[in-house]
Amino acid sequence: MNNSTRAVPVTWNIGIAWMEKVIAKDYPEARLKAFHRIGGSDGTSSRALFALEYASGDGPKTVFAKTKGNWLRRFFHAMTGNAYIEGSLCNSGVDLCLEHPLFYYGAVDKLRMNDVIVMEDVGSRGATLNDATTPLTVDQVATGLRELAKMHSAFWGLNNKTHPELDWVRPWKASGTFTFLMKYGCGRGTKRLLEWLPAQVVEAGPRMLGDTWAEYLRSLSIGPQTLLHGDAHVGNTYLLPDGGFGFYDWGVVRRGHWSFDVGYFLVSALSVEDRCEHEQDLLRLYIDSLTVGVADKPDFDEAWLHYRCSPAYGLPIWICTGAEDDYQSPAICQNLAQRFGSAFVELDTRGALRSIVSSRG
């Protein structure tokens, strides 16, 4: 089987027949004259932006596609449990109940530890992609939290019986190998990010960061479970001209506690000063936006405790990311290490996590 006929291509050397199959569900009458790659990048995955020309019928003028990339990236994603998530999510047909790019096609190749997803180019709707070098405004973050509340509400109490189409979605799991790699990465990344990290974080060292990260992931099974974006940092969001707010890059979807998405998004998106001033009001806004039963809504004190734990994930993740040269730019890693580091110390994340864990008995 050559690359252009595989359900999941190994490279972007693909043919017209493959691309027509990709858009056939939404545009069955479309016939392509040509298409060509006009953009893309390679980091934690291989991304491509294609321009499409039609011989007959109509369809999107551009589409965005992702695979896991080379064998080393595929192995890494398989080890972290993220190898097939976006392809599986697309195939599930589930309504995520929030603003996101339209999915055209998804496929999974377990033999090669790979998947592919082809989706709407939100730039065609005038979207502006966000990144950590420019903090969002408080109002923009409020809009994003309302979107997360829509999705979390729709999947509140998620399990295999309530949503059998999502029975492949797993809870967070901190394997021994992944925790070891996290500690190793934090050791390397801390040296690069020294001036951006609080002294308390640097002094505590990579072992503390890795152990706290693993304990936090285990704690996410406590309390109400819902569908999580899983990677809802500011760099995976976009703004629309009409004020809409969306989330993309759905490759780390999990089942777990709602506060994971809320904390990871909020801390990543605001300047340190805005977070300190507005985080409690924004958390109240999120709780008020949940459309779940009164008995299921978290009270503020409980929500605040869980939110305070959330930097236990973002801080080591971005320190580790900063240890590498080909994942994210230094400026993005520096900004996010600073935001999560400040939150980790100011919110007493380790103390909050101890309180959550002790509540389990």
Protein backbone atom coordinates (compact mmCIF):
# COMPACT_ATOMS: atom_id res chain seq x y z
CA MET A 1 0.00 0.00 0.00
CA ASN A 2 1.52 3.34 -1.00
CA ASN A 3 1.33 6.44 1.14
CA SER A 4 -1.38 8.18 -0.91
CA THR A 5 -3.87 5.34 -0.38
CA ARG A 6 -3.32 4.79 3.35
CA ALA A 7 -6.13 5.83 5.68
CA VAL A 8 -3.40 7.42 7.83
CA PRO A 9 -0.58 8.72 5.61
CA VAL A 10 2.99 8.54 6.88
CA THR A 11 3.98 11.74 5.05
CA TRP A 12 2.11 14.59 3.38
CA ASN A 13 2.88 13.14 -0.05
CA ILE A 14 -0.81 12.38 -0.69
CA GLY A 15 -3.02 12.34 -3.76
CA ILE A 16 -6.27 13.93 -4.92
CA ALA A 17 -8.26 10.75 -4.26
CA TRP A 18 -7.20 10.80 -0.61
CA MET A 19 -8.16 14.44 -0.16
CA GLU A 20 -11.53 13.94 -1.88
CA LYS A 21 -12.26 11.07 0.52
CA VAL A 22 -11.38 13.36 3.43
CA ILE A 23 -14.05 15.95 2.59
CA ALA A 24 -16.62 13.53 1.12
CA LYS A 25 -18.76 13.28 4.26
CA ASP A 26 -19.45 17.02 4.29
CA TYR A 27 -19.06 17.72 0.55
CA PRO A 28 -20.06 14.55 -1.37
CA GLU A 29 -20.33 16.33 -4.74
CA ALA A 30 -16.93 17.98 -4.59
CA ARG A 31 -14.29 16.93 -7.12
CA LEU A 32 -10.80 18.34 -6.81
CA LYS A 33 -8.75 19.81 -9.60
CA ALA A 34 -5.63 20.23 -7.48
CA PHE A 35 -4.42 20.95 -3.98
CA HIS A 36 -1.11 22.05 -2.53
CA ARG A 37 0.47 22.60 0.86
CA ILE A 38 0.71 26.26 1.80
CA GLY A 39 1.85 26.03 5.41
CA GLY A 40 2.45 23.87 8.43
CA SER A 41 5.04 22.96 11.03
CA ASP A 42 6.59 20.04 12.85
CA GLY A 43 6.85 19.95 16.63
CA THR A 44 5.01 17.58 18.93
CA SER A 45 3.06 16.61 15.78
CA SER A 46 3.28 17.13 12.02
CA ARG A 47 0.88 19.83 10.78
CA ALA A 48 -0.06 20.92 7.27
CA LEU A 49 -2.31 23.60 5.79
CA PHE A 50 -3.61 22.77 2.31
CA ALA A 51 -5.27 24.98 -0.33
CA LEU A 52 -7.90 23.16 -2.44
CA GLU A 53 -8.99 23.91 -6.02
CA TYR A 54 -12.21 22.35 -7.32
CA ALA A 55 -13.02 20.93 -10.76
CA SER A 56 -16.69 20.69 -9.80
CA GLY A 57 -18.84 21.07 -6.74
CA ASP A 58 -17.79 23.13 -3.78
CA GLY A 59 -15.98 22.68 -0.50
CA PRO A 60 -13.57 24.39 1.87
CA LYS A 61 -10.88 26.50 0.26
CA THR A 62 -8.36 25.40 2.87
CA VAL A 63 -8.08 22.53 5.38
CA PHE A 64 -5.74 21.87 8.29
CA ALA A 65 -4.32 18.39 8.88
CA LYS A 66 -2.31 16.70 11.65
CA THR A 67 -0.52 13.41 12.18
CA LYS A 68 1.85 12.36 14.95
CA GLY A 69 4.91 12.82 12.71
CA ASN A 70 8.09 10.75 12.75
CA TRP A 71 8.53 7.46 14.58
CA LEU A 72 10.08 9.11 17.65
CA ARG A 73 7.10 11.43 18.05
CA ARG A 74 4.70 8.53 17.50
CA PHE A 75 6.46 6.48 20.17
CA PHE A 76 6.31 9.42 22.60
CA HIS A 77 2.58 9.92 22.02
CA ALA A 78 1.93 6.19 22.44
CA MET A 79 3.88 6.15 25.71
CA THR A 80 1.87 9.09 27.07
CA GLY A 81 -1.47 7.63 25.98
CA ASN A 82 -2.09 10.24 23.28
CA ALA A 83 -1.44 8.27 20.09
CA TYR A 84 -4.98 7.91 18.75
CA ILE A 85 -7.06 10.52 20.54
CA GLU A 86 -7.85 13.08 17.83
CA GLY A 87 -8.64 10.44 15.22
CA SER A 88 -10.88 8.63 17.69
CA LEU A 89 -12.62 11.84 18.76
CA CYS A 90 -13.41 12.73 15.16
CA ASN A 91 -14.73 9.23 14.46
CA SER A 92 -16.95 9.29 17.55
CA GLY A 93 -19.14 11.98 15.99
CA VAL A 94 -19.81 13.41 19.45
CA ASP A 95 -21.02 17.00 19.78
CA LEU A 96 -18.48 18.76 21.99
CA CYS A 97 -20.98 21.56 22.74
CA LEU A 98 -18.44 24.37 22.45
CA GLU A 99 -16.71 26.35 19.71
CA HIS A 100 -14.04 24.31 17.93
CA PRO A 101 -12.85 23.66 14.35
CA LEU A 102 -15.17 21.45 12.30
CA PHE A 103 -13.77 17.92 11.96
CA TYR A 104 -13.81 16.58 8.38
CA TYR A 105 -11.95 13.29 8.73
CA GLY A 106 -10.19 11.13 11.29
CA ALA A 107 -8.49 7.74 11.12
CA VAL A 108 -6.31 5.60 13.37
CA ASP A 109 -3.37 3.32 12.50
CA LYS A 110 -2.47 1.37 15.63
CA LEU A 111 0.16 -0.70 13.82
CA ARG A 112 2.21 2.45 13.20
CA MET A 113 1.11 4.20 16.42
CA ASN A 114 -0.38 7.04 14.39
CA ASP A 115 -3.59 8.87 13.61
CA VAL A 116 -4.66 11.67 11.30
CA ILE A 117 -7.26 14.38 11.59
CA VAL A 118 -8.32 16.85 8.93
CA MET A 119 -10.31 19.83 10.09
CA GLU A 120 -11.56 23.27 9.28
CA ASP A 121 -9.03 26.06 8.87
CA VAL A 122 -10.52 28.52 11.35
CA GLY A 123 -8.50 31.25 9.68
CA SER A 124 -11.12 31.12 6.94
CA ARG A 125 -13.56 32.53 9.51
CA GLY A 126 -11.14 35.29 10.46
CA ALA A 127 -9.94 33.58 13.64
CA THR A 128 -6.93 34.91 15.51
CA LEU A 129 -4.81 32.20 17.14
CA ASN A 130 -3.63 33.05 20.64
CA ASP A 131 -0.28 32.33 22.23
CA ALA A 132 1.36 32.94 25.58
CA THR A 133 3.45 35.90 24.47
CA THR A 134 0.31 38.08 24.63
CA PRO A 135 -1.90 37.53 27.69
CA LEU A 136 -5.65 37.56 27.12
CA THR A 137 -7.95 40.08 28.70
CA VAL A 138 -10.12 39.15 31.65
CA ASP A 139 -13.22 39.38 29.45
CA GLN A 140 -11.71 37.03 26.86
CA VAL A 141 -10.85 34.48 29.54
CA ALA A 142 -14.40 34.77 30.89
CA THR A 143 -15.74 33.91 27.43
CA GLY A 144 -13.41 30.91 27.22
CA LEU A 145 -14.54 29.67 30.63
CA ARG A 146 -18.17 29.87 29.53
CA GLU A 147 -17.29 27.66 26.56
CA LEU A 148 -15.57 25.11 28.81
CA ALA A 149 -18.59 25.15 31.12
CA LYS A 150 -20.83 24.22 28.17
CA MET A 151 -18.76 21.14 27.37
CA HIS A 152 -18.19 20.12 30.98
CA SER A 153 -21.93 20.41 31.69
CA ALA A 154 -22.84 18.27 28.68
CA PHE A 155 -20.59 15.42 29.87
CA TRP A 156 -21.01 15.80 33.65
CA GLY A 157 -20.85 12.36 35.25
CA LEU A 158 -19.09 10.89 32.18
CA ASN A 159 -18.67 7.12 32.15
CA ASN A 160 -18.90 4.30 29.62
CA LYS A 161 -22.63 3.85 30.22
CA THR A 162 -23.62 7.50 29.86
CA HIS A 163 -21.53 7.98 26.69
CA PRO A 164 -20.57 4.62 25.15
CA GLU A 165 -19.24 6.43 22.06
CA LEU A 166 -16.49 7.79 24.32
CA ASP A 167 -15.57 4.52 26.01
CA TRP A 168 -12.00 4.94 24.70
CA VAL A 169 -11.49 8.13 26.75
CA ARG A 170 -9.21 7.36 29.68
CA PRO A 171 -8.52 9.09 32.99
CA TRP A 172 -5.16 10.67 33.60
CA LYS A 173 -2.47 8.19 34.57
CA ALA A 174 1.04 8.96 35.79
CA SER A 175 3.08 5.91 34.85
CA GLY A 176 6.44 5.33 36.50
CA THR A 177 8.22 5.85 33.18
CA PHE A 178 6.40 9.09 32.42
CA THR A 179 7.04 10.40 35.95
CA PHE A 180 10.75 9.61 35.60
CA LEU A 181 10.91 11.44 32.28
CA MET A 182 9.05 14.36 33.83
CA LYS A 183 11.65 14.67 36.58
CA TYR A 184 14.48 14.40 34.05
CA GLY A 185 12.92 17.06 31.84
CA CYS A 186 12.30 19.35 34.79
CA GLY A 187 15.96 19.10 35.73
CA ARG A 188 17.07 20.19 32.28
CA GLY A 189 14.34 22.77 31.83
CA THR A 190 14.92 24.45 35.18
CA LYS A 191 18.48 25.30 34.16
CA ARG A 192 17.18 27.07 31.05
CA LEU A 193 14.34 28.88 32.83
CA LEU A 194 16.06 29.93 36.06
CA GLU A 195 15.30 33.63 35.75
CA TRP A 196 11.62 32.94 35.04
CA LEU A 197 10.95 30.63 37.98
CA PRO A 198 10.35 31.49 41.65
CA ALA A 199 13.25 30.65 43.94
CA GLN A 200 11.02 28.26 45.92
CA VAL A 201 10.44 26.14 42.81
CA VAL A 202 14.11 26.05 41.85
CA GLU A 203 15.17 25.14 45.39
CA ALA A 204 12.58 22.35 45.69
CA GLY A 205 14.02 20.70 42.58
CA PRO A 206 12.79 18.40 39.82
CA ARG A 207 11.95 15.46 42.08
CA MET A 208 9.36 17.53 43.93
CA LEU A 209 7.87 18.74 40.64
CA GLY A 210 7.59 15.23 39.22
CA ASP A 211 6.14 13.73 42.38
CA THR A 212 3.63 16.57 42.78
CA TRP A 213 2.63 16.23 39.12
CA ALA A 214 1.99 12.49 39.55
CA GLU A 215 0.00 12.97 42.77
CA TYR A 216 -2.09 15.64 41.12
CA LEU A 217 -2.98 13.42 38.17
CA ARG A 218 -4.07 10.68 40.58
CA SER A 219 -6.25 13.21 42.43
CA LEU A 220 -8.26 14.00 39.29
CA SER A 221 -10.37 10.88 39.83
CA ILE A 222 -11.77 12.50 43.00
CA GLY A 223 -15.08 14.30 42.53
CA PRO A 224 -17.32 14.72 39.49
CA GLN A 225 -15.95 13.39 36.21
CA THR A 226 -16.42 15.05 32.85
CA LEU A 227 -14.86 15.27 29.41
CA LEU A 228 -11.65 17.29 29.48
CA HIS A 229 -9.97 19.04 26.58
CA GLY A 230 -6.79 18.03 28.37
CA ASP A 231 -4.51 20.65 26.78
CA ALA A 232 -6.52 23.86 27.12
CA HIS A 233 -3.61 26.27 27.54
CA VAL A 234 -3.87 29.66 25.84
CA GLY A 235 -1.86 28.50 22.81
CA ASN A 236 -4.64 26.09 21.86
CA THR A 237 -7.33 28.76 21.70
CA TYR A 238 -8.58 31.30 19.17
CA LEU A 239 -10.70 34.42 18.97
CA LEU A 240 -13.36 35.06 16.32
CA PRO A 241 -14.29 38.46 14.88
CA ASP A 242 -17.75 38.31 16.50
CA GLY A 243 -16.21 37.84 19.95
CA GLY A 244 -16.49 34.05 19.90
CA PHE A 245 -13.86 31.94 21.62
CA GLY A 246 -12.73 28.49 20.54
CA PHE A 247 -10.48 25.61 21.51
CA TYR A 248 -8.44 23.50 19.10
CA ASP A 249 -5.75 20.76 19.32
CA TRP A 250 -7.80 17.96 20.88
CA GLY A 251 -4.98 15.44 21.12
CA VAL A 252 -4.93 15.02 24.92
CA VAL A 253 -8.64 14.47 25.69
CA ARG A 254 -9.21 12.80 29.05
CA ARG A 255 -11.89 11.99 31.60
CA GLY A 256 -11.42 13.75 34.94
CA HIS A 257 -12.19 16.64 37.26
CA TRP A 258 -13.42 19.86 35.62
CA SER A 259 -10.85 21.97 37.49
CA PHE A 260 -8.05 20.56 35.35
CA ASP A 261 -9.21 22.41 32.23
CA VAL A 262 -10.26 25.51 34.15
CA GLY A 263 -6.96 25.94 35.97
CA TYR A 264 -4.73 25.11 33.03
CA PHE A 265 -6.57 27.57 30.80
CA LEU A 266 -6.98 30.42 33.27
CA VAL A 267 -3.43 30.43 34.64
CA SER A 268 -1.89 30.15 31.16
CA ALA A 269 -4.02 32.89 29.63
CA LEU A 270 -3.77 35.78 32.09
CA SER A 271 -0.84 37.90 33.19
CA VAL A 272 0.26 37.16 36.75
CA GLU A 273 -1.24 40.46 37.90
CA ASP A 274 -4.62 39.86 36.25
CA ARG A 275 -4.80 36.31 37.57
CA CYS A 276 -4.18 37.42 41.14
CA GLU A 277 -6.82 40.12 40.92
CA HIS A 278 -9.54 38.26 39.03
CA GLU A 279 -9.15 34.47 39.44
CA GLN A 280 -11.74 34.09 42.19
CA ASP A 281 -14.36 36.07 40.28
CA LEU A 282 -13.61 34.07 37.14
CA LEU A 283 -13.97 30.81 39.04
CA ARG A 284 -17.36 31.95 40.33
CA LEU A 285 -18.35 32.83 36.76
CA TYR A 286 -17.42 29.31 35.60
CA ILE A 287 -19.46 27.70 38.40
CA ASP A 288 -22.46 29.92 37.60
CA SER A 289 -22.14 28.96 33.90
CA LEU A 290 -22.45 25.22 34.59
CA THR A 291 -25.86 23.88 33.56
CA VAL A 292 -25.92 20.93 35.93
CA GLY A 293 -28.30 20.19 38.77
CA VAL A 294 -28.08 22.32 41.88
CA ALA A 295 -26.91 19.32 43.87
CA ASP A 296 -24.09 18.70 41.38
CA LYS A 297 -22.70 22.24 41.27
CA PRO A 298 -19.49 22.58 43.28
CA ASP A 299 -19.58 25.15 46.03
CA PHE A 300 -16.96 27.86 45.84
CA ASP A 301 -14.72 26.65 48.67
CA GLU A 302 -14.50 23.18 47.15
CA ALA A 303 -13.90 24.63 43.69
CA TRP A 304 -11.21 26.98 44.97
CA LEU A 305 -9.33 24.13 46.63
CA HIS A 306 -9.31 22.08 43.42
CA TYR A 307 -8.35 25.10 41.33
CA ARG A 308 -5.37 25.79 43.60
CA CYS A 309 -4.04 22.32 42.80
CA SER A 310 -4.03 22.84 39.04
CA PRO A 311 -0.57 24.47 38.64
CA ALA A 312 0.86 21.10 39.70
CA TYR A 313 0.33 20.06 36.07
CA GLY A 314 1.12 23.19 34.10
CA LEU A 315 4.36 24.09 35.87
CA PRO A 316 6.33 20.87 35.23
CA ILE A 317 4.84 20.48 31.75
CA TRP A 318 6.16 23.87 30.64
CA ILE A 319 9.49 23.47 32.39
CA CYS A 320 9.93 20.19 30.50
CA THR A 321 8.81 21.80 27.25
CA GLY A 322 11.41 24.52 27.80
CA ALA A 323 14.11 21.85 28.02
CA GLU A 324 13.70 21.08 24.30
CA ASP A 325 14.46 23.19 21.25
CA ASP A 326 11.80 21.95 18.84
CA TYR A 327 8.52 21.95 20.77
CA GLN A 328 7.69 25.59 21.55
CA SER A 329 9.56 28.88 21.26
CA PRO A 330 11.65 30.04 24.24
CA ALA A 331 9.39 33.08 24.71
CA ILE A 332 6.29 30.90 25.08
CA CYS A 333 7.99 28.55 27.55
CA GLN A 334 9.36 31.48 29.56
CA ASN A 335 6.00 33.19 29.85
CA LEU A 336 4.16 30.03 30.84
CA ALA A 337 6.84 28.90 33.29
CA GLN A 338 6.59 32.30 34.95
CA ARG A 339 2.76 32.24 35.13
CA PHE A 340 2.51 28.68 36.43
CA GLY A 341 5.48 29.13 38.77
CA SER A 342 3.93 32.21 40.34
CA ALA A 343 0.58 30.45 40.71
CA PHE A 344 2.22 27.34 42.18
CA VAL A 345 3.77 29.41 44.99
CA GLU A 346 1.03 32.00 45.56
CA LEU A 347 -1.80 29.45 45.62
CA ASP A 348 0.17 27.02 47.81
CA THR A 349 -0.48 24.25 45.33
CA ARG A 350 1.30 21.59 47.37
CA GLY A 351 -0.75 22.43 50.47
CA ALA A 352 -4.00 22.37 48.50
CA LEU A 353 -3.09 19.01 46.99
CA ARG A 354 -2.34 17.57 50.42
CA SER A 355 -5.83 18.64 51.53
CA ILE A 356 -7.46 16.97 48.52
CA VAL A 357 -5.51 13.74 48.94
CA SER A 358 -6.15 13.58 52.70
CA SER A 359 -9.89 13.90 52.03
CA ARG A 360 -9.77 10.49 50.37
CA GLY A 361 -8.84 8.94 53.66
